[in-house]
Structure formats: C-alpha cells, structure tokens
C-alpha cells in the first residue's frame, strides 16, 4: 500500500533507458533471450536471473512500466514476509525465555520497520534496481533454509543445505553483491545458533561450497566491471581514502536508518577524500567507537555485536574498498545491510513486552511508540516516492540535498540537451566544469553543447583543453575540426581531421570530415580516396556517401 504510487510511474531516464527502453535483447522468453541473459553484461552488471524476470515482465506487460513496478513491489512484499519468518526464528533463538506472543509482535515490528522504511524507496521504485529486491529474496531464502538445516539431522539436513546453496546461487546470479553471505552465516553460527564453539572445523567446512560460489561471483563481477566501466582510480583514492570511505558508509547507513531525512538519489563521491577532514573523521570515530564498545559488551549484549558484524560484512562489497561509479554511498546499499537493525528494533519490542519488571502501561506505551515510529517511516516513504517519478525530479532532489553535486548538474545538462534546450544544457555543463575542472567527460559535454548552439570558438576552447590531456581522443579532435570549420578556418580544420585520421586510420568519421574539408578547400581529387575508404568502412553513412558524390562531381544518391 505504501509503495503503490510507484505503479503510476514510468521508466526513468537514468539507467532504465539503457537497460530497458533502448535494449531489445531481453524482450522475449526464448532461447535467444536466455542465452543473452547469461552471456551479456549491461553497464557492468552480470545479472542473468534478474534479466529473466525482465523478460517475463515483457511477456506479460510489453513495455508498460506498470507491470515492471508491480513486480518490484511484489518482490519487496515477499521479502517483508520472509524477513518476518526470519525474525521470528532469530528472536526465538536469541530470547528463548520470551513469550511467544511477544516474539511474534517483535517479528512483526521488525518486518514492518524494514518494509516501509524510506531507505527502501530507491530499490523498490527504481525499475533498474530489480536486482536488489530479487537478490534479497534469494538471500533470505538462503538463510531460512540454512537455519532449518541447522535444526534437523540426517538426510533432511542435507536436503535443506542443498536448498540453501541453490537459493544462494540464484541470488548471486541476480546480483553478486550478496557475496559476503558465507561470512554472515558464520556469525549466525556463533550467535544466536551457538554451534561454533568446539565445532569450528565442521562449521567452516560447511561454508566451503558457499565460499566457492561467492569467490566465483566476485571474480566475475570485478572482471565485468573492469571490462565494461572500469574501477575508480587507485591513485586518486589511495588506501587511506578507501578506509575513510568504508568507515563513512558504516556511520552513514546507521544514521539514515535512525533518522531518514535528506535522502538523495546521489551522494556524490568528492574529487578528493581527506581522511582527516571533519566530514570523514567524525564518521570514522563513530564507527570505530561503536565497534570497540560492542566488542567490550559482547558478553552482556552479543546480539548487538552480531548485528554490527553482519552489517559491516554485508556492506563490505560496496564500502569503497573496491569502487566504481560516481557515488560515495547510496540508499539502495541499505536494503540488506540494515536488516539487523530492524531485527534489533523488533527485539526491543519483544523484550519490553516480555519484561515482568516493566509496568503494563509502560509496556503498552513502548508498543505504541514502536508502531508510531513505523507509521512515521511510512509517511516519509510516501513523501520520498515522488522523487522517482522521473529523471527531472531525481536530479532536482539530489541538488536540493547537495547543491554542489557535479554529477547531478551533468545529468540535468544531458536532460536539457535531449530536450533541445541548449542554453540550459550549457549552463548546467558550465557549472559541472567549474566544480570538477579536471573531469574530461564533463568538459566534452560542454564543448558538444556549445558546438550544437553554434558557439564554435567557445567549443574549440573546450576541445583544445581536452586534447591537452588526451591527445589521442579522435572524436574530440574531429569536433575541434568541426568547430574550426564553422569559424571558417578550413585549413586548420583540415589539419585536425588529418591528425585524427593518422591516430585512427579506420575511423570513418575522421575520413569523412577530412574528405569534406578537402572538397571545401577546392581539392576534391585528394578527397576521393578518403571518402571511398569512409564509405567502405560505414556503407550506411549518408554523410560519407553524399560527400563522395560531391567529390566525384555527381549528384548524391
């Protein structure tokens, strides 16, 4: 009910467009789609099982976004139900003396706290993040089956362990970031299962199949990211910066779980991470202090330490130690990592209701306060949902939270450029370049927008700055040539096109524009071989064929 407004939303022009709108490969349920799902990695993600659910959506709904949002919401609802069952099991193990009714109430509170929290909005309302809710479904099934295996013996135990492994494999094929689950199971073996003491060899051997699956998923994930999008530069973010990023995340998700205000679709990674700055030092002290405190209190409060360890392990793959993308942290990374916090809230309710030392009115007040908190979270979620209605709303919200978000201005500029509003696009791109002057990608966008707006001298200045850093960037050199040609500097333009051709002799665009510049300089005979090569490389290019016809003195076909 809380997430139902998302059913009215469409696909957003942030990853949904590249994953779904302009990608026909997943559309269908035939062998071709299955093979594509298992052999392709779009935008650096290898998620074959997730792609198969999109294929099913397409079979049922075509390109109606309603159905895709409905699937996300139903998966999230299923996760809430599974987490209720998991909370029920773990609370019984952790508080065997508590009354059954109190434990049931605690499990309900834990599940609702998880389900309606505004941090869930990004994972549920963004169609692209299907991989979050789907991998979480298998993650929860893995843990539930494992707990069941630990409660039985003989053949039933082996069957439950196989079921747990199968669910884990499907989860990794939905999103590899659940790779730390084997270590989570080890924590559960220590508490609340208490089956590790004196039995470590058996407990560790049990985890070996899970670990092998996790290692395979981790290797594939890293290789795909390196091949498709690349990792964040280790020189720009050395080990001290990575440690600061990881500690920042530990404090960030805890804080946003307790006080989910000023949520944003983009918390941008700063150009430099200074571990000694207040922004990173304060969260680091909080994270380290909490860890030390919980270690010291492990005998009196083992549940809190177990939750903290599971929290850190679940966040580890997205902590920044291995990093790619423009984000420092992201709401979606809390989907699984904050389950333990929800469990602690439920445990608090169960403990208060079970306590014989707390007066009945006080116990009732605690329960009412818990449900009031959940209602408040639901209201905040309802208010957060419209952010994901379309891309304009996404970036407006992000800039309202962080006015100096360079990536956000870049996205706003791209949206304005796609609408043909070049003045707005240029203004946004200029702001990006001012915030991140060393970012070549943003400067390239600014130069292209200036060129389209017929401001060639300004565009040429941007392209020259890019080429000073990346002299082998053939596309930028061609655009510099176009900017010079628009200013009437045909000789200089021809030199740039010739330079581009030398850098990449098989670049059809470089050959085409070199030929056109030679025609404009009155040298059509020299243009012929370049244009013939361009047509041979790209027979569908109307521009190259028209230029070749001009060079031959014949009308274009």
Protein backbone atom coordinates (compact mmCIF):
# COMPACT_ATOMS: atom_id res chain seq x y z
CA UNK A 1 0.00 0.00 0.00
CA UNK A 2 2.77 2.42 0.91
CA UNK A 3 4.63 1.81 -2.35
CA UNK A 4 1.54 1.75 -4.58
CA UNK A 5 2.12 5.29 -6.00
CA UNK A 6 5.12 3.86 -7.86
CA UNK A 7 2.70 1.88 -10.06
CA UNK A 8 1.86 5.16 -11.81
CA UNK A 9 5.49 5.97 -12.65
CA UNK A 10 7.22 5.25 -15.92
CA UNK A 11 10.79 4.30 -16.69
CA UNK A 12 13.27 6.99 -15.64
CA UNK A 13 15.98 8.32 -17.92
CA UNK A 14 18.70 7.12 -15.60
CA UNK A 15 19.80 3.57 -16.39
CA UNK A 16 16.19 2.46 -17.11
CA UNK A 17 16.64 3.89 -20.59
CA UNK A 18 19.84 1.98 -21.31
CA UNK A 19 18.78 -1.21 -19.54
CA UNK A 20 15.20 -1.46 -20.78
CA UNK A 21 13.98 1.23 -23.19
CA UNK A 22 16.77 1.00 -25.77
CA UNK A 23 17.67 -2.65 -25.17
CA UNK A 24 15.61 -5.17 -27.18
CA UNK A 25 17.77 -8.16 -26.21
CA UNK A 26 15.80 -9.18 -23.10
CA UNK A 27 12.37 -8.97 -24.76
CA UNK A 28 11.02 -12.48 -25.04
CA UNK A 29 11.26 -15.84 -23.30
CA UNK A 30 13.05 -17.82 -25.98
CA UNK A 31 16.45 -19.43 -26.03
CA UNK A 32 17.96 -16.30 -27.60
CA UNK A 33 16.93 -14.20 -24.60
CA UNK A 34 18.14 -16.82 -22.11
CA UNK A 35 21.50 -17.07 -23.87
CA UNK A 36 21.81 -13.28 -23.99
CA UNK A 37 20.98 -13.00 -20.26
CA UNK A 38 23.80 -15.39 -19.33
CA UNK A 39 26.40 -14.02 -21.76
CA UNK A 40 25.90 -10.25 -21.53
CA UNK A 41 26.76 -7.58 -19.01
CA UNK A 42 24.97 -4.26 -19.46
CA UNK A 43 26.52 -1.28 -17.69
CA UNK A 44 28.96 -3.50 -15.80
CA UNK A 45 26.43 -5.89 -14.23
CA UNK A 46 26.22 -9.64 -14.88
CA UNK A 47 22.72 -10.44 -13.58
CA UNK A 48 21.21 -13.23 -15.73
CA UNK A 49 18.39 -14.20 -13.35
CA UNK A 50 17.34 -10.57 -12.99
CA UNK A 51 17.24 -10.27 -16.78
CA UNK A 52 14.99 -13.32 -16.98
CA UNK A 53 12.48 -11.61 -14.67
CA UNK A 54 12.53 -8.61 -17.00
CA UNK A 55 11.90 -10.99 -19.89
CA UNK A 56 8.89 -12.35 -18.03
CA UNK A 57 7.67 -8.80 -17.41
CA UNK A 58 7.92 -8.06 -21.10
CA UNK A 59 5.98 -11.21 -21.95
CA UNK A 60 3.21 -10.13 -19.58
CA UNK A 61 3.18 -6.36 -19.97
CA UNK A 62 5.16 -5.42 -23.05
CA UNK A 63 6.73 -2.02 -22.36
CA UNK A 64 4.08 -0.87 -19.89
CA UNK A 65 6.08 0.31 -16.88
CA UNK A 66 3.16 -0.50 -14.57
CA UNK A 67 3.94 -4.22 -14.71
CA UNK A 68 7.66 -3.75 -14.03
CA UNK A 69 6.91 -1.60 -10.98
CA UNK A 70 4.31 -4.13 -9.83
CA UNK A 71 6.89 -6.92 -9.93
CA UNK A 72 9.34 -4.84 -7.85
CA UNK A 73 6.66 -4.10 -5.25
CA UNK A 74 5.52 -7.73 -5.07
CA UNK A 75 9.11 -8.90 -4.62
CA UNK A 76 9.57 -6.35 -1.84
CA UNK A 77 6.37 -7.56 -0.18
CA UNK A 78 7.62 -11.15 -0.40
CA UNK A 79 10.89 -10.06 1.20
CA UNK A 80 8.98 -8.44 4.05
CA UNK A 81 7.10 -11.72 4.64
CA UNK A 82 10.31 -13.76 4.50
CA UNK A 83 12.03 -11.38 6.87
CA UNK A 84 9.12 -11.77 9.28
CA UNK A 85 9.75 -15.54 9.28
CA UNK A 86 13.49 -14.99 9.69
CA UNK A 87 12.97 -12.50 12.53
CA UNK A 88 10.62 -14.93 14.24
CA UNK A 89 13.24 -17.68 14.08
CA UNK A 90 16.16 -15.50 15.22
CA UNK A 91 14.24 -13.86 18.05
CA UNK A 92 13.24 -17.29 19.36
CA UNK A 93 16.87 -18.37 19.27
CA UNK A 94 18.12 -15.18 20.90
CA UNK A 95 15.37 -14.88 23.54
CA UNK A 96 14.20 -18.40 24.38
CA UNK A 97 12.63 -17.21 27.63
CA UNK A 98 10.41 -14.61 25.96
CA UNK A 99 6.73 -15.29 25.49
CA UNK A 100 5.63 -16.50 22.06
CA UNK A 101 3.22 -13.58 21.68
CA UNK A 102 5.96 -11.08 22.47
CA UNK A 103 8.34 -12.68 19.95
CA UNK A 104 5.61 -12.68 17.29
CA UNK A 105 4.94 -9.00 17.92
CA UNK A 106 8.65 -8.25 17.76
CA UNK A 107 8.94 -10.07 14.43
CA UNK A 108 6.02 -8.08 13.01
CA UNK A 109 7.60 -4.80 14.11
CA UNK A 110 10.98 -5.81 12.64
CA UNK A 111 9.42 -6.75 9.29
CA UNK A 112 7.36 -3.56 9.08
CA UNK A 113 10.34 -1.42 10.12
CA UNK A 114 12.31 -2.92 7.25
CA UNK A 115 9.47 -2.88 4.72
CA UNK A 116 8.16 0.69 4.99
CA UNK A 117 11.46 2.47 5.71
CA UNK A 118 12.17 5.31 3.23
CA UNK A 119 15.64 3.90 2.56
CA UNK A 120 13.82 1.15 0.63
CA UNK A 121 12.39 3.59 -1.94
CA UNK A 122 15.37 3.57 -4.28
CA UNK A 123 15.48 -0.21 -4.51
CA UNK A 124 11.72 -0.63 -4.98
CA UNK A 125 10.62 2.39 -7.05
CA UNK A 126 13.56 2.32 -9.49
CA UNK A 127 12.91 -0.46 -12.01
CA UNK A 128 16.62 -0.91 -12.73
CA UNK A 129 17.17 -1.90 -9.09
CA UNK A 130 15.10 -5.06 -9.54
CA UNK A 131 18.41 -6.76 -8.83
CA UNK A 132 18.24 -5.51 -5.21
CA UNK A 133 14.83 -6.89 -4.34
CA UNK A 134 15.34 -10.12 -6.31
CA UNK A 135 18.75 -10.94 -4.84
CA UNK A 136 17.33 -10.14 -1.38
CA UNK A 137 14.56 -12.69 -1.95
CA UNK A 138 17.13 -15.46 -2.55
CA UNK A 139 19.36 -14.14 0.24
CA UNK A 140 16.54 -14.51 2.77
CA UNK A 141 15.60 -17.94 1.40
CA UNK A 142 19.25 -18.98 1.74
CA UNK A 143 19.38 -18.01 5.41
CA UNK A 144 15.98 -19.53 6.22
CA UNK A 145 16.95 -22.84 4.58
CA UNK A 146 20.30 -22.78 6.41
CA UNK A 147 18.61 -22.24 9.77
CA UNK A 148 16.27 -25.12 9.01
CA UNK A 149 19.24 -27.34 8.12
CA UNK A 150 20.83 -26.49 11.45
CA UNK A 151 17.69 -27.65 13.27
CA UNK A 152 17.48 -31.15 11.72
CA UNK A 153 19.78 -34.13 11.15
CA UNK A 154 20.46 -36.82 8.57
CA UNK A 155 19.07 -36.67 5.01
CA UNK A 156 16.68 -33.75 5.76
CA UNK A 157 19.69 -31.69 6.82
CA UNK A 158 21.50 -32.38 3.55
CA UNK A 159 18.39 -31.51 1.56
CA UNK A 160 17.99 -28.20 3.37
CA UNK A 161 21.65 -27.37 2.88
CA UNK A 162 21.33 -28.08 -0.85
CA UNK A 163 18.23 -25.88 -0.97
CA UNK A 164 20.17 -23.14 0.79
CA UNK A 165 23.06 -23.43 -1.68
CA UNK A 166 20.66 -23.39 -4.63
CA UNK A 167 18.97 -20.23 -3.35
CA UNK A 168 22.38 -18.61 -2.82
CA UNK A 169 23.45 -19.42 -6.37
CA UNK A 170 20.26 -17.84 -7.73
CA UNK A 171 20.86 -14.81 -5.53
CA UNK A 172 24.39 -14.36 -6.87
CA UNK A 173 23.02 -14.62 -10.41
CA UNK A 174 20.57 -11.84 -9.51
CA UNK A 175 23.19 -9.52 -8.00
CA UNK A 176 26.68 -10.53 -6.96
CA UNK A 177 26.86 -8.07 -4.07
CA UNK A 178 25.44 -10.71 -1.70
CA UNK A 179 28.84 -12.42 -1.94
CA UNK A 180 29.60 -11.85 1.77
CA UNK A 181 26.76 -14.15 2.89
CA UNK A 182 29.06 -17.11 3.83
CA UNK A 183 30.64 -14.92 6.50
CA UNK A 184 27.20 -13.84 7.69
CA UNK A 185 26.32 -17.50 8.19
CA UNK A 186 29.47 -17.91 10.26
CA UNK A 187 28.36 -15.05 12.51
CA UNK A 188 24.99 -16.75 12.94
CA UNK A 189 26.77 -19.97 13.87
CA UNK A 190 28.38 -18.11 16.76
CA UNK A 191 25.25 -16.21 17.75
CA UNK A 192 22.40 -16.96 18.09
CA UNK A 193 22.90 -20.60 16.95
CA UNK A 194 25.84 -21.12 19.33
CA UNK A 195 27.04 -24.11 17.33
CA UNK A 196 30.60 -22.99 16.53
CA UNK A 197 32.33 -23.49 19.90
CA UNK A 198 34.33 -26.71 19.84
CA UNK A 199 32.98 -27.42 16.36
CA UNK A 200 34.84 -24.93 14.17
CA UNK A 201 36.21 -27.44 11.68
CA UNK A 202 32.77 -28.74 10.76
CA UNK A 203 31.25 -25.26 10.70
CA UNK A 204 33.98 -23.94 8.40
CA UNK A 205 33.79 -26.93 6.06
CA UNK A 206 30.03 -26.36 5.74
CA UNK A 207 30.73 -22.88 4.39
CA UNK A 208 33.18 -24.04 1.73
CA UNK A 209 30.54 -24.53 -1.04
CA UNK A 210 29.04 -21.11 -0.24
CA UNK A 211 32.52 -19.58 -0.29
CA UNK A 212 33.38 -21.12 -3.66
CA UNK A 213 30.19 -19.67 -5.15
CA UNK A 214 30.98 -16.29 -3.60
CA UNK A 215 34.55 -16.26 -4.94
CA UNK A 216 33.36 -17.16 -8.44
CA UNK A 217 30.75 -14.38 -8.32
CA UNK A 218 33.30 -11.87 -7.00
CA UNK A 219 35.83 -12.68 -9.73
CA UNK A 220 33.22 -12.45 -12.49
CA UNK A 221 31.84 -9.22 -11.04
CA UNK A 222 35.23 -7.49 -10.85
CA UNK A 223 36.27 -8.66 -14.32
CA UNK A 224 32.99 -7.43 -15.82
CA UNK A 225 33.26 -4.05 -14.10
CA UNK A 226 36.86 -3.61 -15.29
CA UNK A 227 35.92 -4.58 -18.85
CA UNK A 228 32.71 -2.52 -19.12
CA UNK A 229 33.02 0.58 -16.94
CA UNK A 230 36.36 0.45 -15.12
CA UNK A 231 37.26 0.80 -11.46
CA UNK A 232 37.79 4.06 -9.63
CA UNK A 233 41.41 5.19 -9.91
CA UNK A 234 43.59 3.83 -7.07
CA UNK A 235 45.90 6.82 -7.43
CA UNK A 236 43.06 9.31 -6.94
CA UNK A 237 41.71 7.32 -3.97
CA UNK A 238 44.62 5.55 -2.24
CA UNK A 239 44.20 3.06 0.67
CA UNK A 240 43.74 5.71 3.42
CA UNK A 241 40.95 7.30 1.37
CA UNK A 242 39.33 3.90 0.77
CA UNK A 243 39.39 3.17 4.51
CA UNK A 244 37.80 6.57 5.19
CA UNK A 245 35.09 5.84 2.60
CA UNK A 246 34.33 2.48 4.21
CA UNK A 247 34.08 3.94 7.72
CA UNK A 248 31.93 6.80 6.41
CA UNK A 249 29.48 4.28 4.97
CA UNK A 250 29.23 2.38 8.27
CA UNK A 251 28.16 5.55 10.07
CA UNK A 252 26.04 6.87 7.19
CA UNK A 253 23.59 3.97 6.87
CA UNK A 254 23.23 3.69 10.63
CA UNK A 255 22.39 7.40 10.84
CA UNK A 256 19.95 7.32 7.94
CA UNK A 257 18.21 4.26 9.39
CA UNK A 258 17.62 6.06 12.67
CA UNK A 259 16.86 9.47 11.11
CA UNK A 260 15.87 9.04 7.43
CA UNK A 261 15.85 12.70 6.41
CA UNK A 262 17.54 14.48 3.49
CA UNK A 263 17.64 11.28 1.47
CA UNK A 264 19.04 11.71 -2.02
CA UNK A 265 19.33 9.66 -5.22
CA UNK A 266 23.01 10.69 -5.39
CA UNK A 267 25.54 11.20 -2.62
CA UNK A 268 28.47 12.15 -4.81
CA UNK A 269 31.98 10.88 -4.24
CA UNK A 270 34.11 14.01 -3.69
CA UNK A 271 37.00 14.70 -6.04
CA UNK A 272 39.34 14.09 -3.10
CA UNK A 273 38.74 12.16 0.10
CA UNK A 274 40.66 13.65 3.01
CA UNK A 275 40.55 11.15 5.91
CA UNK A 276 41.45 13.88 8.42
CA UNK A 277 38.67 16.26 7.34
CA UNK A 278 35.68 16.58 9.68
CA UNK A 279 33.38 15.06 7.06
CA UNK A 280 35.28 11.76 7.18
CA UNK A 281 36.97 11.86 10.57
CA UNK A 282 33.74 12.16 12.59
CA UNK A 283 32.03 9.12 10.98
CA UNK A 284 35.27 7.14 11.32
CA UNK A 285 35.38 7.87 15.05
CA UNK A 286 31.71 6.86 15.39
CA UNK A 287 32.26 3.58 13.51
CA UNK A 288 35.45 2.69 15.39
CA UNK A 289 33.97 3.72 18.73
CA UNK A 290 30.86 1.61 18.18
CA UNK A 291 32.95 -1.38 17.17
CA UNK A 292 35.15 -1.15 20.25
CA UNK A 293 32.15 -0.59 22.53
CA UNK A 294 30.24 -3.58 21.16
CA UNK A 295 33.32 -5.80 21.42
CA UNK A 296 33.67 -4.84 25.08
CA UNK A 297 29.95 -5.53 25.65
CA UNK A 298 29.91 -8.80 23.71
CA UNK A 299 29.18 -10.98 26.74
CA UNK A 300 26.29 -8.89 28.02
CA UNK A 301 24.86 -7.98 24.60
CA UNK A 302 26.05 -10.50 21.96
CA UNK A 303 23.09 -9.75 19.68
CA UNK A 304 24.26 -6.16 19.08
CA UNK A 305 27.77 -7.28 18.16
CA UNK A 306 26.38 -9.96 15.83
CA UNK A 307 24.15 -7.39 14.12
CA UNK A 308 27.06 -4.96 13.76
CA UNK A 309 29.32 -7.63 12.25
CA UNK A 310 26.62 -8.74 9.78
CA UNK A 311 26.01 -5.09 8.91
CA UNK A 312 29.68 -4.49 8.16
CA UNK A 313 30.09 -7.72 6.21
CA UNK A 314 27.02 -7.01 4.06
CA UNK A 315 28.28 -3.51 3.28
CA UNK A 316 31.84 -4.65 2.54
CA UNK A 317 31.38 -5.21 -1.23
CA UNK A 318 30.02 -1.64 -1.63
CA UNK A 319 32.14 0.01 1.05
CA UNK A 320 34.54 1.66 -1.39
CA UNK A 321 37.47 -0.70 -0.91
CA UNK A 322 36.73 -1.82 -4.49
CA UNK A 323 34.83 1.05 -6.10
CA UNK A 324 33.30 2.22 -9.31
CA UNK A 325 30.73 4.87 -10.11
CA UNK A 326 30.11 8.48 -9.04
CA UNK A 327 28.54 7.67 -5.63
CA UNK A 328 30.14 7.67 -2.20
CA UNK A 329 27.16 5.88 -0.64
CA UNK A 330 23.66 5.01 -1.92
CA UNK A 331 20.29 4.35 -0.29
CA UNK A 332 19.97 1.06 -2.17
CA UNK A 333 23.01 -0.36 -0.38
CA UNK A 334 21.00 -0.37 2.85
CA UNK A 335 18.42 -2.86 1.55
CA UNK A 336 20.09 -5.93 3.07
CA UNK A 337 22.70 -4.39 5.34
CA UNK A 338 20.13 -2.77 7.65
CA UNK A 339 18.05 -5.92 8.24
CA UNK A 340 19.89 -6.45 11.52
CA UNK A 341 18.93 -3.00 12.77
CA UNK A 342 15.28 -3.77 12.07
CA UNK A 343 15.74 -7.01 13.98
CA UNK A 344 17.12 -5.11 16.98
CA UNK A 345 14.07 -2.84 16.96
CA UNK A 346 11.83 -5.90 16.97
CA UNK A 347 13.92 -7.47 19.74
CA UNK A 348 13.49 -4.33 21.82
CA UNK A 349 9.71 -4.53 21.47
CA UNK A 350 9.71 -8.24 22.34
CA UNK A 351 11.90 -7.65 25.39
CA UNK A 352 9.71 -4.81 26.65
CA UNK A 353 6.50 -6.82 26.24
CA UNK A 354 8.02 -9.89 27.93
CA UNK A 355 9.52 -8.00 30.85
CA UNK A 356 7.91 -8.63 34.21
CA UNK A 357 9.67 -5.64 35.76
CA UNK A 358 8.05 -3.09 33.45
CA UNK A 359 4.57 -1.91 34.33
CA UNK A 360 1.80 -2.84 31.91
CA UNK A 361 1.05 0.80 30.88
CA UNK A 362 4.73 1.32 30.11
CA UNK A 363 4.84 -1.85 28.01
CA UNK A 364 1.77 -0.67 26.12
CA UNK A 365 3.44 2.71 25.61
CA UNK A 366 6.56 1.06 24.18
CA UNK A 367 4.48 -0.93 21.70
CA UNK A 368 2.51 2.16 20.68
CA UNK A 369 5.73 4.13 20.27
CA UNK A 370 7.13 1.38 18.05
CA UNK A 371 4.11 1.37 15.79
CA UNK A 372 4.04 5.19 15.76
CA UNK A 373 7.64 5.10 14.55
CA UNK A 374 6.64 2.70 11.79
CA UNK A 375 3.73 4.94 10.75
CA UNK A 376 6.13 7.88 10.66
CA UNK A 377 8.51 5.90 8.44
CA UNK A 378 5.63 5.02 6.12
CA UNK A 379 4.72 8.71 5.82
CA UNK A 380 8.33 9.60 4.99
CA UNK A 381 8.40 6.82 2.38
CA UNK A 382 5.20 8.13 0.83
CA UNK A 383 6.85 11.56 0.59
CA UNK A 384 10.08 10.13 -0.84
CA UNK A 385 8.41 8.13 -3.61
CA UNK A 386 7.66 11.07 -5.99
CA UNK A 387 11.40 11.68 -6.28
CA UNK A 388 11.49 8.60 -8.53
CA UNK A 389 8.62 9.73 -10.76
CA UNK A 390 11.01 10.94 -13.48
CA UNK A 391 14.61 11.94 -14.03
CA UNK A 392 13.98 15.68 -13.55
CA UNK A 393 12.61 15.02 -10.06
CA UNK A 394 15.58 12.77 -9.26
CA UNK A 395 18.18 15.43 -10.01
CA UNK A 396 16.19 18.29 -8.51
CA UNK A 397 16.05 16.39 -5.22
CA UNK A 398 19.73 15.47 -5.40
CA UNK A 399 20.70 19.13 -5.94
CA UNK A 400 18.40 20.28 -3.14
CA UNK A 401 20.29 17.96 -0.77
CA UNK A 402 23.76 18.63 -2.20
CA UNK A 403 23.89 21.90 -4.20
CA UNK A 404 27.46 21.24 -5.40
CA UNK A 405 26.79 17.80 -6.88
CA UNK A 406 28.72 17.92 -10.15
CA UNK A 407 27.34 14.61 -11.40
CA UNK A 408 23.79 15.90 -10.83
CA UNK A 409 24.43 19.03 -12.89
CA UNK A 410 25.84 16.81 -15.62
CA UNK A 411 22.66 14.73 -15.66
CA UNK A 412 20.49 17.87 -15.71
CA UNK A 413 22.55 19.15 -18.62
CA UNK A 414 22.07 15.90 -20.53
CA UNK A 415 18.30 16.02 -19.97
CA UNK A 416 18.13 19.64 -21.14
CA UNK A 417 20.25 18.84 -24.19
CA UNK A 418 17.99 15.92 -25.11
CA UNK A 419 15.01 18.29 -25.00
CA UNK A 420 16.82 20.75 -27.26
CA UNK A 421 17.20 23.38 -24.53
CA UNK A 422 20.84 24.12 -25.31
CA UNK A 423 21.05 27.27 -23.17
CA UNK A 424 20.04 25.32 -20.06
CA UNK A 425 22.32 22.44 -21.01
CA UNK A 426 25.29 24.77 -21.41
CA UNK A 427 24.57 26.44 -18.07
CA UNK A 428 24.49 23.06 -16.31
CA UNK A 429 27.64 21.81 -18.02
CA UNK A 430 29.47 25.04 -17.22
CA UNK A 431 28.59 24.50 -13.56
CA UNK A 432 29.96 20.96 -13.76
CA UNK A 433 33.23 22.11 -15.29
CA UNK A 434 33.56 24.80 -12.62
CA UNK A 435 33.06 22.18 -9.88
CA UNK A 436 35.24 19.49 -11.48
CA UNK A 437 37.64 21.24 -13.89
CA UNK A 438 39.75 18.12 -14.29
CA UNK A 439 36.87 15.92 -15.45
CA UNK A 440 37.31 15.45 -19.19
CA UNK A 441 33.89 13.84 -19.68
CA UNK A 442 32.00 16.88 -18.43
CA UNK A 443 34.16 19.27 -20.47
CA UNK A 444 33.47 17.15 -23.54
CA UNK A 445 29.72 17.52 -22.96
CA UNK A 446 30.08 21.28 -22.58
CA UNK A 447 32.06 21.56 -25.80
CA UNK A 448 29.50 19.49 -27.71
CA UNK A 449 26.61 21.59 -26.39
CA UNK A 450 28.44 24.81 -27.38
CA UNK A 451 29.08 23.37 -30.85
CA UNK A 452 25.39 22.50 -31.28
CA UNK A 453 24.47 26.01 -30.11
CA UNK A 454 26.67 27.48 -32.89
CA UNK A 455 29.21 28.91 -30.49
CA UNK A 456 32.23 27.35 -32.23
CA UNK A 457 35.01 29.49 -30.74
CA UNK A 458 33.95 28.60 -27.18
CA UNK A 459 33.52 24.97 -28.18
CA UNK A 460 37.00 24.89 -29.72
CA UNK A 461 38.50 26.20 -26.47
CA UNK A 462 36.95 23.29 -24.55
CA UNK A 463 38.08 20.71 -27.08
CA UNK A 464 41.64 22.06 -27.01
CA UNK A 465 41.76 21.68 -23.22
CA UNK A 466 40.58 18.08 -23.53
CA UNK A 467 43.19 17.27 -26.19
CA UNK A 468 45.92 18.75 -24.00
CA UNK A 469 45.14 15.93 -21.55
CA UNK A 470 44.05 13.24 -24.01
CA UNK A 471 45.81 13.91 -27.33
CA UNK A 472 44.68 10.56 -28.80
CA UNK A 473 40.94 11.31 -28.35
CA UNK A 474 39.93 11.04 -32.01
CA UNK A 475 36.28 12.03 -31.54
CA UNK A 476 37.22 15.22 -29.70
CA UNK A 477 39.77 16.10 -32.38
CA UNK A 478 37.07 15.70 -35.04
CA UNK A 479 34.79 18.03 -33.06
CA UNK A 480 37.61 20.55 -32.79
CA UNK A 481 37.92 20.38 -36.57
CA UNK A 482 34.17 20.98 -36.94
CA UNK A 483 34.37 23.99 -34.59
CA UNK A 484 37.24 25.44 -36.62
CA UNK A 485 35.41 24.80 -39.90
CA UNK A 486 32.33 26.60 -38.59
CA UNK A 487 34.54 29.61 -37.89
CA UNK A 488 35.77 29.49 -41.50
CA UNK A 489 39.22 28.19 -40.53
CA UNK A 490 39.18 25.46 -43.16
CA UNK A 491 42.94 24.85 -43.33
CA UNK A 492 43.23 24.44 -39.56
CA UNK A 493 40.15 22.21 -39.58
CA UNK A 494 41.64 20.02 -42.32
CA UNK A 495 44.82 19.63 -40.25
CA UNK A 496 42.79 18.42 -37.26
CA UNK A 497 40.89 15.92 -39.41
CA UNK A 498 44.18 14.69 -40.88
CA UNK A 499 45.59 14.32 -37.36
CA UNK A 500 42.51 12.29 -36.35
CA UNK A 501 42.94 10.07 -39.43
CA UNK A 502 46.57 9.40 -38.55
CA UNK A 503 45.62 8.47 -34.99
CA UNK A 504 42.93 6.08 -36.24
CA UNK A 505 43.15 5.27 -39.96
CA UNK A 506 39.94 3.21 -39.79
CA UNK A 507 37.76 5.89 -38.19
CA UNK A 508 35.03 6.52 -40.76
CA UNK A 509 34.12 9.88 -39.21
CA UNK A 510 37.68 11.18 -39.44
CA UNK A 511 37.95 10.09 -43.06
CA UNK A 512 34.57 11.60 -43.94
CA UNK A 513 35.27 15.01 -42.42
CA UNK A 514 38.78 15.08 -43.84
CA UNK A 515 37.30 14.47 -47.30
CA UNK A 516 34.64 17.17 -46.82
CA UNK A 517 37.26 19.70 -45.68
CA UNK A 518 39.39 18.97 -48.74
CA UNK A 519 36.36 19.48 -51.01
CA UNK A 520 35.67 22.80 -49.28
CA UNK A 521 39.31 23.76 -49.86
CA UNK A 522 38.85 23.06 -53.58
CA UNK A 523 40.80 19.77 -53.61
CA UNK A 524 38.15 17.14 -54.46
CA UNK A 525 40.61 14.77 -56.12
CA UNK A 526 42.57 14.47 -52.89
CA UNK A 527 39.30 13.88 -51.01
CA UNK A 528 38.25 10.86 -53.13
CA UNK A 529 40.41 8.11 -51.54
CA UNK A 530 39.45 9.19 -48.02
CA UNK A 531 35.75 9.27 -48.82
CA UNK A 532 35.86 5.94 -50.63
CA UNK A 533 37.51 4.40 -47.55
CA UNK A 534 34.89 6.00 -45.29
CA UNK A 535 32.03 4.53 -47.34
CA UNK A 536 33.76 1.15 -47.29
CA UNK A 537 34.01 1.27 -43.50
CA UNK A 538 30.48 2.62 -42.96
CA UNK A 539 28.27 1.98 -46.01
CA UNK A 540 25.18 3.26 -44.18
CA UNK A 541 26.64 6.74 -43.64
CA UNK A 542 24.60 9.17 -45.69
CA UNK A 543 27.09 11.95 -44.95
CA UNK A 544 30.03 9.97 -46.37
CA UNK A 545 28.09 8.90 -49.49
CA UNK A 546 26.89 12.45 -50.16
CA UNK A 547 30.44 13.80 -49.77
CA UNK A 548 31.77 11.12 -52.12
CA UNK A 549 29.19 12.11 -54.71
CA UNK A 550 30.27 15.75 -54.36
CA UNK A 551 33.91 14.80 -54.81
CA UNK A 552 33.06 12.89 -57.98
CA UNK A 553 31.01 15.75 -59.29
CA UNK A 554 27.88 13.56 -59.37
CA UNK A 555 24.53 14.04 -57.56
CA UNK A 556 24.16 12.22 -54.25
CA UNK A 557 22.11 9.03 -54.34
